[in-house]
Amino acid sequence: MDGSLIECLGEADVRLTVRDRTHSVRAIVSFNLISGVDVILGHDILRGYRILFDRGQLVLGACAEARREVEVVKGENFEVVFDGASWTARWQWKEEPRLRNRTSQYEVPGKLRGKFNEEVEKWVERGWLKPRAPNYGGLLPLMAVEHKRKGKVRPVLDFRELNEFVSCSGADADVCGDKLRSWRQFPENSALLDLKDAYMQIRVAGECSSAMRVQFRAEHFELTRVGFGLNCAPQIMKAVLSYVLSRDKDVSSATDHYYDDIIINLDKVCADRVKKLLVEYGLETKPMEKIDGTKRLMDVSGGGGWENHAT
């Protein structure tokens, strides 16, 4: 801003209210910014307002977008609400969850423990795990999954017991093999676009998150995001992404997706237009991966997806 170094203390999810409009946003926290400045608003907030100057003072005017304040995507047993900044899901319980498990964490190999703990700490810093008072309810056990090719260790929750209480239909679930066969019809001039931390971009309503209790280092937390392993998570993600891509007919006709993985026909639409649409609906992506002569679809028997090969 003024040429001096600004030290970042971390990130936090906050709810920001401006002129009676509330946004859930990821904020970067700093001890100080520049003299006289407490908050800097980014374009993700400002794009929803008209920027006015009144007697030399900047004023946020009436809403600049015609989009409805709330958009709802409904599935057979769930609904997901977009408030203009983020998505929040809720689903139906077969009955009130009463978990019996008291194991907080499965054994993590010593060589993975450091990376595993760092990742769980990031969940806490980002607000994915929200501190809560201890109680006598059951827990979702934490476990570590190693991605050797990427050199990463990721925390995963065991949802098996909780899933017994979740009412969710998989009737319209995509079959990986069928989807890969349809993707082979896309031209060579195509690209892949993945959502970043896909399921964690979708918040969970309080009446559902209260049942997702986690214990880490003797502290108790509540999972505030749709976790990988929850049996309705794939259908929620599919419904959200299908809805968002359908908002632009050109994007819709040039794309297909397998849950959080998107393929784009670049002969029909540019990747930036797809990314812009996703950002408008609060979804963050990884860098685009171009498909060309150095990539091919893997055999379905090999797990699907794309892999490099020599040309």
C-alpha atoms as a PDB file:
ATOM      1  CA  MET A   1       0.000   0.000   0.000  1.00  0.00           C
ATOM      2  CA  ASP A   2       2.570   2.567   1.162  1.00  0.00           C
ATOM      3  CA  GLY A   3       5.650   0.524   0.333  1.00  0.00           C
ATOM      4  CA  SER A   4       6.088  -0.973   3.800  1.00  0.00           C
ATOM      5  CA  LEU A   5       5.888  -4.676   4.602  1.00  0.00           C
ATOM      6  CA  ILE A   6       2.554  -5.952   5.930  1.00  0.00           C
ATOM      7  CA  GLU A   7       2.836  -9.093   8.039  1.00  0.00           C
ATOM      8  CA  CYS A   8      -0.003 -11.586   7.643  1.00  0.00           C
ATOM      9  CA  LEU A   9      -1.040 -13.304  10.881  1.00  0.00           C
ATOM     10  CA  GLY A  10      -3.302 -15.848   9.186  1.00  0.00           C
ATOM     11  CA  GLU A  11      -6.741 -16.299   7.633  1.00  0.00           C
ATOM     12  CA  ALA A  12     -10.225 -16.450   9.130  1.00  0.00           C
ATOM     13  CA  ASP A  13     -13.782 -16.851   7.877  1.00  0.00           C
ATOM     14  CA  VAL A  14     -15.838 -13.826   8.914  1.00  0.00           C
ATOM     15  CA  ARG A  15     -19.365 -12.543   8.361  1.00  0.00           C
ATOM     16  CA  LEU A  16     -19.301  -8.958   7.103  1.00  0.00           C
ATOM     17  CA  THR A  17     -22.413  -6.758   7.077  1.00  0.00           C
ATOM     18  CA  VAL A  18     -22.447  -3.706   4.788  1.00  0.00           C
ATOM     19  CA  ARG A  19     -25.664  -1.693   4.443  1.00  0.00           C
ATOM     20  CA  ASP A  20     -27.830  -4.556   5.709  1.00  0.00           C
ATOM     21  CA  ARG A  21     -26.205  -7.094   3.374  1.00  0.00           C
ATOM     22  CA  THR A  22     -24.260  -9.902   5.041  1.00  0.00           C
ATOM     23  CA  HIS A  23     -21.422 -11.756   3.324  1.00  0.00           C
ATOM     24  CA  SER A  24     -19.447 -14.787   4.487  1.00  0.00           C
ATOM     25  CA  VAL A  25     -15.879 -14.178   3.337  1.00  0.00           C
ATOM     26  CA  ARG A  26     -12.328 -15.413   3.875  1.00  0.00           C
ATOM     27  CA  ALA A  27     -10.303 -12.599   5.457  1.00  0.00           C
ATOM     28  CA  ILE A  28      -6.548 -12.140   5.730  1.00  0.00           C
ATOM     29  CA  VAL A  29      -5.722 -10.904   9.233  1.00  0.00           C
ATOM     30  CA  SER A  30      -2.867  -8.481   9.878  1.00  0.00           C
ATOM     31  CA  PHE A  31      -1.683  -6.706  13.020  1.00  0.00           C
ATOM     32  CA  ASN A  32      -1.872  -3.429  11.119  1.00  0.00           C
ATOM     33  CA  LEU A  33      -2.348  -2.326   7.523  1.00  0.00           C
ATOM     34  CA  ILE A  34      -1.619   1.344   6.924  1.00  0.00           C
ATOM     35  CA  SER A  35      -2.269   4.326   9.138  1.00  0.00           C
ATOM     36  CA  GLY A  36      -5.989   5.003   9.525  1.00  0.00           C
ATOM     37  CA  VAL A  37      -7.094   1.834   7.688  1.00  0.00           C
ATOM     38  CA  ASP A  38      -8.725  -1.031   9.588  1.00  0.00           C
ATOM     39  CA  VAL A  39     -10.340  -3.006   6.758  1.00  0.00           C
ATOM     40  CA  ILE A  40      -9.699  -3.377   3.037  1.00  0.00           C
ATOM     41  CA  LEU A  41     -12.642  -4.666   0.988  1.00  0.00           C
ATOM     42  CA  GLY A  42     -11.898  -6.700  -2.112  1.00  0.00           C
ATOM     43  CA  HIS A  43     -13.771  -6.897  -5.393  1.00  0.00           C
ATOM     44  CA  ASP A  44     -15.651  -9.991  -4.191  1.00  0.00           C
ATOM     45  CA  ILE A  45     -17.540  -7.641  -1.834  1.00  0.00           C
ATOM     46  CA  LEU A  46     -17.548  -4.390  -3.805  1.00  0.00           C
ATOM     47  CA  ARG A  47     -18.923  -5.936  -6.991  1.00  0.00           C
ATOM     48  CA  GLY A  48     -22.320  -6.156  -5.287  1.00  0.00           C
ATOM     49  CA  TYR A  49     -22.608  -2.377  -4.865  1.00  0.00           C
ATOM     50  CA  ARG A  50     -22.525   0.848  -6.818  1.00  0.00           C
ATOM     51  CA  ILE A  51     -19.473   2.904  -5.838  1.00  0.00           C
ATOM     52  CA  LEU A  52     -20.484   6.535  -5.248  1.00  0.00           C
ATOM     53  CA  PHE A  53     -18.661   9.664  -4.113  1.00  0.00           C
ATOM     54  CA  ASP A  54     -20.680  12.081  -1.965  1.00  0.00           C
ATOM     55  CA  ARG A  55     -18.910  15.343  -1.016  1.00  0.00           C
ATOM     56  CA  GLY A  56     -15.569  13.650  -1.449  1.00  0.00           C
ATOM     57  CA  GLN A  57     -16.551  10.587   0.609  1.00  0.00           C
ATOM     58  CA  LEU A  58     -16.795   7.095  -0.886  1.00  0.00           C
ATOM     59  CA  VAL A  59     -20.249   5.571  -0.353  1.00  0.00           C
ATOM     60  CA  LEU A  60     -21.487   2.065  -1.127  1.00  0.00           C
ATOM     61  CA  GLY A  61     -24.762   2.590  -2.942  1.00  0.00           C
ATOM     62  CA  ALA A  62     -27.656   0.283  -3.735  1.00  0.00           C
ATOM     63  CA  CYS A  63     -27.053  -3.212  -4.984  1.00  0.00           C
ATOM     64  CA  ALA A  64     -25.456  -3.131  -8.411  1.00  0.00           C
ATOM     65  CA  GLU A  65     -26.455  -6.667  -9.355  1.00  0.00           C
ATOM     66  CA  ALA A  66     -29.864  -7.803 -10.495  1.00  0.00           C
ATOM     67  CA  ARG A  67     -29.228 -11.311  -9.159  1.00  0.00           C
ATOM     68  CA  ARG A  68     -31.595 -12.425  -6.407  1.00  0.00           C
ATOM     69  CA  GLU A  69     -30.226 -12.122  -2.907  1.00  0.00           C
ATOM     70  CA  VAL A  70     -30.717 -15.838  -2.256  1.00  0.00           C
ATOM     71  CA  GLU A  71     -30.618 -18.718  -4.729  1.00  0.00           C
ATOM     72  CA  VAL A  72     -31.634 -22.232  -3.725  1.00  0.00           C
ATOM     73  CA  VAL A  73     -30.655 -25.569  -5.258  1.00  0.00           C
ATOM     74  CA  LYS A  74     -32.812 -28.473  -4.103  1.00  0.00           C
ATOM     75  CA  GLY A  75     -32.145 -32.194  -4.234  1.00  0.00           C
ATOM     76  CA  GLU A  76     -34.328 -35.072  -3.167  1.00  0.00           C
ATOM     77  CA  ASN A  77     -33.214 -34.920   0.459  1.00  0.00           C
ATOM     78  CA  PHE A  78     -31.155 -31.734   0.678  1.00  0.00           C
ATOM     79  CA  GLU A  79     -31.013 -28.082  -0.278  1.00  0.00           C
ATOM     80  CA  VAL A  80     -28.108 -25.692  -0.791  1.00  0.00           C
ATOM     81  CA  VAL A  81     -28.527 -21.917  -0.460  1.00  0.00           C
ATOM     82  CA  PHE A  82     -26.332 -19.261  -2.105  1.00  0.00           C
ATOM     83  CA  ASP A  83     -26.423 -15.948  -0.229  1.00  0.00           C
ATOM     84  CA  GLY A  84     -24.464 -13.946  -2.791  1.00  0.00           C
ATOM     85  CA  ALA A  85     -21.068 -14.946  -1.401  1.00  0.00           C
ATOM     86  CA  SER A  86     -21.114 -18.583  -0.287  1.00  0.00           C
ATOM     87  CA  TRP A  87     -23.108 -21.831  -0.331  1.00  0.00           C
ATOM     88  CA  THR A  88     -24.690 -23.428   2.734  1.00  0.00           C
ATOM     89  CA  ALA A  89     -26.087 -26.970   2.685  1.00  0.00           C
ATOM     90  CA  ARG A  90     -28.618 -28.731   4.879  1.00  0.00           C
ATOM     91  CA  TRP A  91     -29.953 -32.242   4.559  1.00  0.00           C
ATOM     92  CA  GLN A  92     -32.593 -34.468   6.099  1.00  0.00           C
ATOM     93  CA  TRP A  93     -31.826 -36.844   8.936  1.00  0.00           C
ATOM     94  CA  LYS A  94     -33.564 -40.212   9.059  1.00  0.00           C
ATOM     95  CA  GLU A  95     -33.633 -39.616  12.802  1.00  0.00           C
ATOM     96  CA  GLU A  96     -31.660 -37.487  15.228  1.00  0.00           C
ATOM     97  CA  PRO A  97     -28.032 -38.682  15.106  1.00  0.00           C
ATOM     98  CA  ARG A  98     -26.795 -40.414  18.241  1.00  0.00           C
ATOM     99  CA  LEU A  99     -23.204 -41.422  17.644  1.00  0.00           C
ATOM    100  CA  ARG A 100     -21.613 -44.003  19.932  1.00  0.00           C
ATOM    101  CA  ASN A 101     -18.004 -43.705  18.776  1.00  0.00           C
ATOM    102  CA  ARG A 102     -15.590 -42.209  21.330  1.00  0.00           C
ATOM    103  CA  THR A 103     -12.395 -42.679  19.301  1.00  0.00           C
ATOM    104  CA  SER A 104     -11.171 -39.228  18.294  1.00  0.00           C
ATOM    105  CA  GLN A 105      -8.398 -40.284  15.928  1.00  0.00           C
ATOM    106  CA  TYR A 106      -7.134 -43.460  14.303  1.00  0.00           C
ATOM    107  CA  GLU A 107      -3.436 -44.178  14.595  1.00  0.00           C
ATOM    108  CA  VAL A 108      -1.284 -41.970  12.358  1.00  0.00           C
ATOM    109  CA  PRO A 109       2.145 -43.354  11.362  1.00  0.00           C
ATOM    110  CA  GLY A 110       4.979 -41.415  12.963  1.00  0.00           C
ATOM    111  CA  LYS A 111       6.426 -40.256   9.634  1.00  0.00           C
ATOM    112  CA  LEU A 112       3.081 -38.673   8.706  1.00  0.00           C
ATOM    113  CA  ARG A 113       2.171 -37.186  12.069  1.00  0.00           C
ATOM    114  CA  GLY A 114       3.830 -33.795  11.590  1.00  0.00           C
ATOM    115  CA  LYS A 115       2.185 -33.063   8.231  1.00  0.00           C
ATOM    116  CA  PHE A 116      -1.128 -34.454   9.478  1.00  0.00           C
ATOM    117  CA  ASN A 117      -1.179 -32.171  12.520  1.00  0.00           C
ATOM    118  CA  GLU A 118      -0.276 -29.165  10.364  1.00  0.00           C
ATOM    119  CA  GLU A 119      -3.200 -29.852   8.037  1.00  0.00           C
ATOM    120  CA  VAL A 120      -5.703 -30.230  10.878  1.00  0.00           C
ATOM    121  CA  GLU A 121      -4.417 -26.959  12.354  1.00  0.00           C
ATOM    122  CA  LYS A 122      -5.145 -25.318   8.992  1.00  0.00           C
ATOM    123  CA  TRP A 123      -8.716 -26.589   9.219  1.00  0.00           C
ATOM    124  CA  VAL A 124      -9.022 -24.802  12.549  1.00  0.00           C
ATOM    125  CA  GLU A 125      -7.413 -21.593  11.257  1.00  0.00           C
ATOM    126  CA  ARG A 126      -9.737 -21.516   8.245  1.00  0.00           C
ATOM    127  CA  GLY A 127     -12.834 -22.056  10.350  1.00  0.00           C
ATOM    128  CA  TRP A 128     -13.574 -25.471   8.875  1.00  0.00           C
ATOM    129  CA  LEU A 129     -13.371 -26.797  12.418  1.00  0.00           C
ATOM    130  CA  LYS A 130     -15.128 -24.469  14.861  1.00  0.00           C
ATOM    131  CA  PRO A 131     -14.365 -24.733  18.595  1.00  0.00           C
ATOM    132  CA  ARG A 132     -17.273 -25.927  20.696  1.00  0.00           C
ATOM    133  CA  ALA A 133     -17.915 -26.913  24.288  1.00  0.00           C
ATOM    134  CA  PRO A 134     -17.181 -30.559  25.169  1.00  0.00           C
ATOM    135  CA  ASN A 135     -20.171 -32.862  25.463  1.00  0.00           C
ATOM    136  CA  TYR A 136     -20.918 -36.522  25.843  1.00  0.00           C
ATOM    137  CA  GLY A 137     -21.927 -37.083  22.231  1.00  0.00           C
ATOM    138  CA  GLY A 138     -20.117 -39.338  19.795  1.00  0.00           C
ATOM    139  CA  LEU A 139     -17.254 -38.241  17.553  1.00  0.00           C
ATOM    140  CA  LEU A 140     -16.214 -38.408  13.912  1.00  0.00           C
ATOM    141  CA  PRO A 141     -12.764 -40.052  13.998  1.00  0.00           C
ATOM    142  CA  LEU A 142      -9.887 -38.313  12.233  1.00  0.00           C
ATOM    143  CA  MET A 143      -7.504 -40.334  10.080  1.00  0.00           C
ATOM    144  CA  ALA A 144      -4.608 -39.596   7.734  1.00  0.00           C
ATOM    145  CA  VAL A 145      -4.515 -40.340   4.008  1.00  0.00           C
ATOM    146  CA  GLU A 146      -1.134 -40.171   2.294  1.00  0.00           C
ATOM    147  CA  HIS A 147      -0.890 -39.006  -1.328  1.00  0.00           C
ATOM    148  CA  LYS A 148       2.568 -40.302  -2.156  1.00  0.00           C
ATOM    149  CA  ARG A 149       2.658 -38.942  -5.705  1.00  0.00           C
ATOM    150  CA  LYS A 150       1.905 -35.419  -4.466  1.00  0.00           C
ATOM    151  CA  GLY A 151       3.893 -35.766  -1.255  1.00  0.00           C
ATOM    152  CA  LYS A 152       0.872 -34.697   0.791  1.00  0.00           C
ATOM    153  CA  VAL A 153      -0.924 -35.967   3.861  1.00  0.00           C
ATOM    154  CA  ARG A 154      -4.595 -35.100   4.203  1.00  0.00           C
ATOM    155  CA  PRO A 155      -6.933 -35.399   7.174  1.00  0.00           C
ATOM    156  CA  VAL A 156     -10.099 -37.381   6.455  1.00  0.00           C
ATOM    157  CA  LEU A 157     -13.063 -38.063   8.707  1.00  0.00           C
ATOM    158  CA  ASP A 158     -14.727 -41.441   9.124  1.00  0.00           C
ATOM    159  CA  PHE A 159     -18.394 -40.709   8.395  1.00  0.00           C
ATOM    160  CA  ARG A 160     -19.585 -44.325   8.388  1.00  0.00           C
ATOM    161  CA  GLU A 161     -21.550 -44.146  11.622  1.00  0.00           C
ATOM    162  CA  LEU A 162     -23.027 -40.710  10.878  1.00  0.00           C
ATOM    163  CA  ASN A 163     -24.029 -41.811   7.368  1.00  0.00           C
ATOM    164  CA  GLU A 164     -26.477 -44.264   8.914  1.00  0.00           C
ATOM    165  CA  PHE A 165     -28.561 -41.247   9.926  1.00  0.00           C
ATOM    166  CA  VAL A 166     -28.285 -39.286   6.657  1.00  0.00           C
ATOM    167  CA  SER A 167     -31.200 -39.539   4.262  1.00  0.00           C
ATOM    168  CA  CYS A 168     -29.643 -39.276   0.833  1.00  0.00           C
ATOM    169  CA  SER A 169     -30.398 -40.848  -2.519  1.00  0.00           C
ATOM    170  CA  GLY A 170     -27.660 -41.818  -4.941  1.00  0.00           C
ATOM    171  CA  ALA A 171     -30.108 -42.667  -7.698  1.00  0.00           C
ATOM    172  CA  ASP A 172     -28.687 -40.117 -10.146  1.00  0.00           C
ATOM    173  CA  ALA A 173     -25.040 -40.707  -9.235  1.00  0.00           C
ATOM    174  CA  ASP A 174     -22.673 -40.477 -12.184  1.00  0.00           C
ATOM    175  CA  VAL A 175     -20.848 -43.651 -13.155  1.00  0.00           C
ATOM    176  CA  CYS A 176     -17.157 -42.914 -13.634  1.00  0.00           C
ATOM    177  CA  GLY A 177     -16.757 -45.133 -16.703  1.00  0.00           C
ATOM    178  CA  ASP A 178     -19.759 -43.612 -18.478  1.00  0.00           C
ATOM    179  CA  LYS A 179     -18.552 -40.091 -17.743  1.00  0.00           C
ATOM    180  CA  LEU A 180     -15.047 -40.809 -19.043  1.00  0.00           C
ATOM    181  CA  ARG A 181     -16.465 -42.220 -22.259  1.00  0.00           C
ATOM    182  CA  SER A 182     -18.457 -39.023 -22.785  1.00  0.00           C
ATOM    183  CA  TRP A 183     -15.365 -36.913 -22.073  1.00  0.00           C
ATOM    184  CA  ARG A 184     -13.490 -38.712 -24.836  1.00  0.00           C
ATOM    185  CA  GLN A 185     -15.845 -36.949 -27.248  1.00  0.00           C
ATOM    186  CA  PHE A 186     -14.353 -33.587 -26.290  1.00  0.00           C
ATOM    187  CA  PRO A 187     -11.781 -32.205 -28.763  1.00  0.00           C
ATOM    188  CA  GLU A 188      -8.063 -32.095 -28.080  1.00  0.00           C
ATOM    189  CA  ASN A 189      -8.377 -28.347 -27.540  1.00  0.00           C
ATOM    190  CA  SER A 190      -9.965 -28.806 -24.125  1.00  0.00           C
ATOM    191  CA  ALA A 191      -8.983 -28.138 -20.536  1.00  0.00           C
ATOM    192  CA  LEU A 192      -9.604 -29.492 -17.057  1.00  0.00           C
ATOM    193  CA  LEU A 193     -10.612 -27.234 -14.192  1.00  0.00           C
ATOM    194  CA  ASP A 194     -10.900 -28.522 -10.634  1.00  0.00           C
ATOM    195  CA  LEU A 195     -12.415 -26.804  -7.633  1.00  0.00           C
ATOM    196  CA  LYS A 196      -9.948 -26.037  -4.853  1.00  0.00           C
ATOM    197  CA  ASP A 197     -10.795 -27.840  -1.597  1.00  0.00           C
ATOM    198  CA  ALA A 198     -14.076 -28.578  -3.326  1.00  0.00           C
ATOM    199  CA  TYR A 199     -16.303 -29.926  -0.565  1.00  0.00           C
ATOM    200  CA  MET A 200     -14.831 -27.526   1.968  1.00  0.00           C
ATOM    201  CA  GLN A 201     -16.157 -24.599  -0.083  1.00  0.00           C
ATOM    202  CA  ILE A 202     -19.697 -25.556   0.919  1.00  0.00           C
ATOM    203  CA  ARG A 203     -20.762 -24.574   4.417  1.00  0.00           C
ATOM    204  CA  VAL A 204     -23.126 -26.644   6.551  1.00  0.00           C
ATOM    205  CA  ALA A 205     -26.194 -25.254   8.313  1.00  0.00           C
ATOM    206  CA  GLY A 206     -26.068 -25.362  12.099  1.00  0.00           C
ATOM    207  CA  GLU A 207     -28.774 -27.995  12.482  1.00  0.00           C
ATOM    208  CA  CYS A 208     -26.545 -30.397  10.542  1.00  0.00           C
ATOM    209  CA  SER A 209     -23.060 -29.310  11.616  1.00  0.00           C
ATOM    210  CA  SER A 210     -23.927 -29.721  15.303  1.00  0.00           C
ATOM    211  CA  ALA A 211     -23.891 -33.501  14.800  1.00  0.00           C
ATOM    212  CA  MET A 212     -20.414 -33.491  13.229  1.00  0.00           C
ATOM    213  CA  ARG A 213     -18.209 -33.365  16.316  1.00  0.00           C
ATOM    214  CA  VAL A 214     -14.445 -33.730  16.134  1.00  0.00           C
ATOM    215  CA  GLN A 215     -11.785 -33.910  18.846  1.00  0.00           C
ATOM    216  CA  PHE A 216      -8.182 -32.890  18.171  1.00  0.00           C
ATOM    217  CA  ARG A 217      -5.476 -32.550  20.814  1.00  0.00           C
ATOM    218  CA  ALA A 218      -8.088 -32.781  23.589  1.00  0.00           C
ATOM    219  CA  GLU A 219     -10.050 -29.837  22.144  1.00  0.00           C
ATOM    220  CA  HIS A 220     -13.575 -30.221  20.790  1.00  0.00           C
ATOM    221  CA  PHE A 221     -14.716 -28.866  17.422  1.00  0.00           C
ATOM    222  CA  GLU A 222     -17.641 -28.866  15.035  1.00  0.00           C
ATOM    223  CA  LEU A 223     -17.138 -29.484  11.311  1.00  0.00           C
ATOM    224  CA  THR A 224     -18.652 -26.501   9.482  1.00  0.00           C
ATOM    225  CA  ARG A 225     -18.095 -27.749   5.927  1.00  0.00           C
ATOM    226  CA  VAL A 226     -19.386 -30.612   3.796  1.00  0.00           C
ATOM    227  CA  GLY A 227     -16.775 -33.281   4.447  1.00  0.00           C
ATOM    228  CA  PHE A 228     -15.430 -35.822   1.975  1.00  0.00           C
ATOM    229  CA  GLY A 229     -16.970 -39.148   2.983  1.00  0.00           C
ATOM    230  CA  LEU A 230     -20.396 -37.806   3.920  1.00  0.00           C
ATOM    231  CA  ASN A 231     -22.702 -39.895   1.761  1.00  0.00           C
ATOM    232  CA  CYS A 232     -24.705 -36.942   0.424  1.00  0.00           C
ATOM    233  CA  ALA A 233     -21.615 -34.809  -0.298  1.00  0.00           C
ATOM    234  CA  PRO A 234     -21.146 -35.919  -3.952  1.00  0.00           C
ATOM    235  CA  GLN A 235     -24.792 -35.221  -4.780  1.00  0.00           C
ATOM    236  CA  ILE A 236     -24.634 -31.813  -3.110  1.00  0.00           C
ATOM    237  CA  MET A 237     -21.497 -30.917  -5.070  1.00  0.00           C
ATOM    238  CA  LYS A 238     -22.978 -32.192  -8.325  1.00  0.00           C
ATOM    239  CA  ALA A 239     -26.171 -30.179  -7.813  1.00  0.00           C
ATOM    240  CA  VAL A 240     -24.315 -26.954  -6.998  1.00  0.00           C
ATOM    241  CA  LEU A 241     -21.897 -27.183  -9.912  1.00  0.00           C
ATOM    242  CA  SER A 242     -24.632 -28.191 -12.380  1.00  0.00           C
ATOM    243  CA  TYR A 243     -26.660 -25.179 -11.295  1.00  0.00           C
ATOM    244  CA  VAL A 244     -23.764 -22.725 -11.557  1.00  0.00           C
ATOM    245  CA  LEU A 245     -22.614 -23.909 -14.994  1.00  0.00           C
ATOM    246  CA  SER A 246     -26.205 -23.698 -16.260  1.00  0.00           C
ATOM    247  CA  ARG A 247     -26.373 -19.959 -15.458  1.00  0.00           C
ATOM    248  CA  ASP A 248     -24.485 -19.213 -18.704  1.00  0.00           C
ATOM    249  CA  LYS A 249     -25.857 -21.097 -21.716  1.00  0.00           C
ATOM    250  CA  ASP A 250     -22.577 -20.845 -23.637  1.00  0.00           C
ATOM    251  CA  VAL A 251     -20.627 -22.212 -20.688  1.00  0.00           C
ATOM    252  CA  SER A 252     -23.210 -24.936 -20.159  1.00  0.00           C
ATOM    253  CA  SER A 253     -22.988 -26.123 -23.774  1.00  0.00           C
ATOM    254  CA  ALA A 254     -19.170 -26.165 -23.708  1.00  0.00           C
ATOM    255  CA  THR A 255     -18.604 -27.960 -20.398  1.00  0.00           C
ATOM    256  CA  ASP A 256     -19.288 -31.161 -18.546  1.00  0.00           C
ATOM    257  CA  HIS A 257     -18.367 -32.121 -15.022  1.00  0.00           C
ATOM    258  CA  TYR A 258     -17.825 -35.161 -12.843  1.00  0.00           C
ATOM    259  CA  TYR A 259     -18.752 -33.813  -9.432  1.00  0.00           C
ATOM    260  CA  ASP A 260     -16.017 -31.165  -8.806  1.00  0.00           C
ATOM    261  CA  ASP A 261     -13.960 -31.864 -11.971  1.00  0.00           C
ATOM    262  CA  ILE A 262     -14.879 -29.761 -15.019  1.00  0.00           C
ATOM    263  CA  ILE A 263     -13.893 -30.320 -18.646  1.00  0.00           C
ATOM    264  CA  ILE A 264     -14.068 -27.315 -21.004  1.00  0.00           C
ATOM    265  CA  ASN A 265     -14.284 -27.317 -24.795  1.00  0.00           C
ATOM    266  CA  LEU A 266     -11.984 -24.388 -25.570  1.00  0.00           C
ATOM    267  CA  ASP A 267     -13.236 -24.262 -29.152  1.00  0.00           C
ATOM    268  CA  LYS A 268     -16.563 -23.023 -27.764  1.00  0.00           C
ATOM    269  CA  VAL A 269     -15.698 -20.960 -24.698  1.00  0.00           C
ATOM    270  CA  CYS A 270     -12.552 -19.655 -23.015  1.00  0.00           C
ATOM    271  CA  ALA A 271     -11.530 -20.985 -19.618  1.00  0.00           C
ATOM    272  CA  ASP A 272     -11.517 -17.484 -18.090  1.00  0.00           C
ATOM    273  CA  ARG A 273     -15.234 -17.154 -18.767  1.00  0.00           C
ATOM    274  CA  VAL A 274     -15.889 -20.404 -16.903  1.00  0.00           C
ATOM    275  CA  LYS A 275     -13.665 -19.350 -14.004  1.00  0.00           C
ATOM    276  CA  LYS A 276     -15.367 -15.937 -13.836  1.00  0.00           C
ATOM    277  CA  LEU A 277     -18.779 -17.602 -13.594  1.00  0.00           C
ATOM    278  CA  LEU A 278     -17.571 -19.875 -10.806  1.00  0.00           C
ATOM    279  CA  VAL A 279     -16.071 -16.936  -8.893  1.00  0.00           C
ATOM    280  CA  GLU A 280     -19.359 -15.040  -9.199  1.00  0.00           C
ATOM    281  CA  TYR A 281     -20.956 -17.970  -7.403  1.00  0.00           C
ATOM    282  CA  GLY A 282     -18.338 -18.139  -4.675  1.00  0.00           C
ATOM    283  CA  LEU A 283     -16.343 -21.091  -6.039  1.00  0.00           C
ATOM    284  CA  GLU A 284     -12.542 -21.053  -6.190  1.00  0.00           C
ATOM    285  CA  THR A 285     -10.611 -23.187  -8.680  1.00  0.00           C
ATOM    286  CA  LYS A 286      -7.154 -24.653  -9.073  1.00  0.00           C
ATOM    287  CA  PRO A 287      -5.043 -23.561 -12.072  1.00  0.00           C
ATOM    288  CA  MET A 288      -6.396 -24.784 -15.402  1.00  0.00           C
ATOM    289  CA  GLU A 289      -4.814 -27.931 -16.855  1.00  0.00           C
ATOM    290  CA  LYS A 290      -4.650 -27.899 -20.647  1.00  0.00           C
ATOM    291  CA  ILE A 291      -5.332 -31.129 -22.506  1.00  0.00           C
ATOM    292  CA  ASP A 292      -3.128 -31.566 -25.561  1.00  0.00           C
ATOM    293  CA  GLY A 293      -1.004 -34.169 -27.264  1.00  0.00           C
ATOM    294  CA  THR A 294       0.874 -34.901 -24.032  1.00  0.00           C
ATOM    295  CA  LYS A 295      -2.193 -36.147 -22.186  1.00  0.00           C
ATOM    296  CA  ARG A 296      -4.640 -38.954 -22.675  1.00  0.00           C
ATOM    297  CA  LEU A 297      -7.553 -40.430 -20.796  1.00  0.00           C
ATOM    298  CA  MET A 298      -6.548 -43.302 -18.579  1.00  0.00           C
ATOM    299  CA  ASP A 299      -8.324 -46.603 -19.009  1.00  0.00           C
ATOM    300  CA  VAL A 300     -11.437 -46.887 -16.908  1.00  0.00           C
ATOM    301  CA  SER A 301      -9.904 -49.952 -15.254  1.00  0.00           C
ATOM    302  CA  GLY A 302      -7.018 -47.733 -14.168  1.00  0.00           C
ATOM    303  CA  GLY A 303      -9.237 -45.401 -12.180  1.00  0.00           C
ATOM    304  CA  GLY A 304     -10.110 -42.840 -14.848  1.00  0.00           C
ATOM    305  CA  GLY A 305      -8.797 -39.313 -15.213  1.00  0.00           C
ATOM    306  CA  TRP A 306      -5.901 -38.018 -17.279  1.00  0.00           C
ATOM    307  CA  GLU A 307      -2.231 -38.908 -17.264  1.00  0.00           C
ATOM    308  CA  ASN A 308       0.912 -37.731 -19.021  1.00  0.00           C
ATOM    309  CA  HIS A 309       2.585 -39.851 -21.642  1.00  0.00           C
ATOM    310  CA  ALA A 310       5.480 -39.383 -24.021  1.00  0.00           C
ATOM    311  CA  THR A 311       4.777 -38.055 -27.481  1.00  0.00           C
END
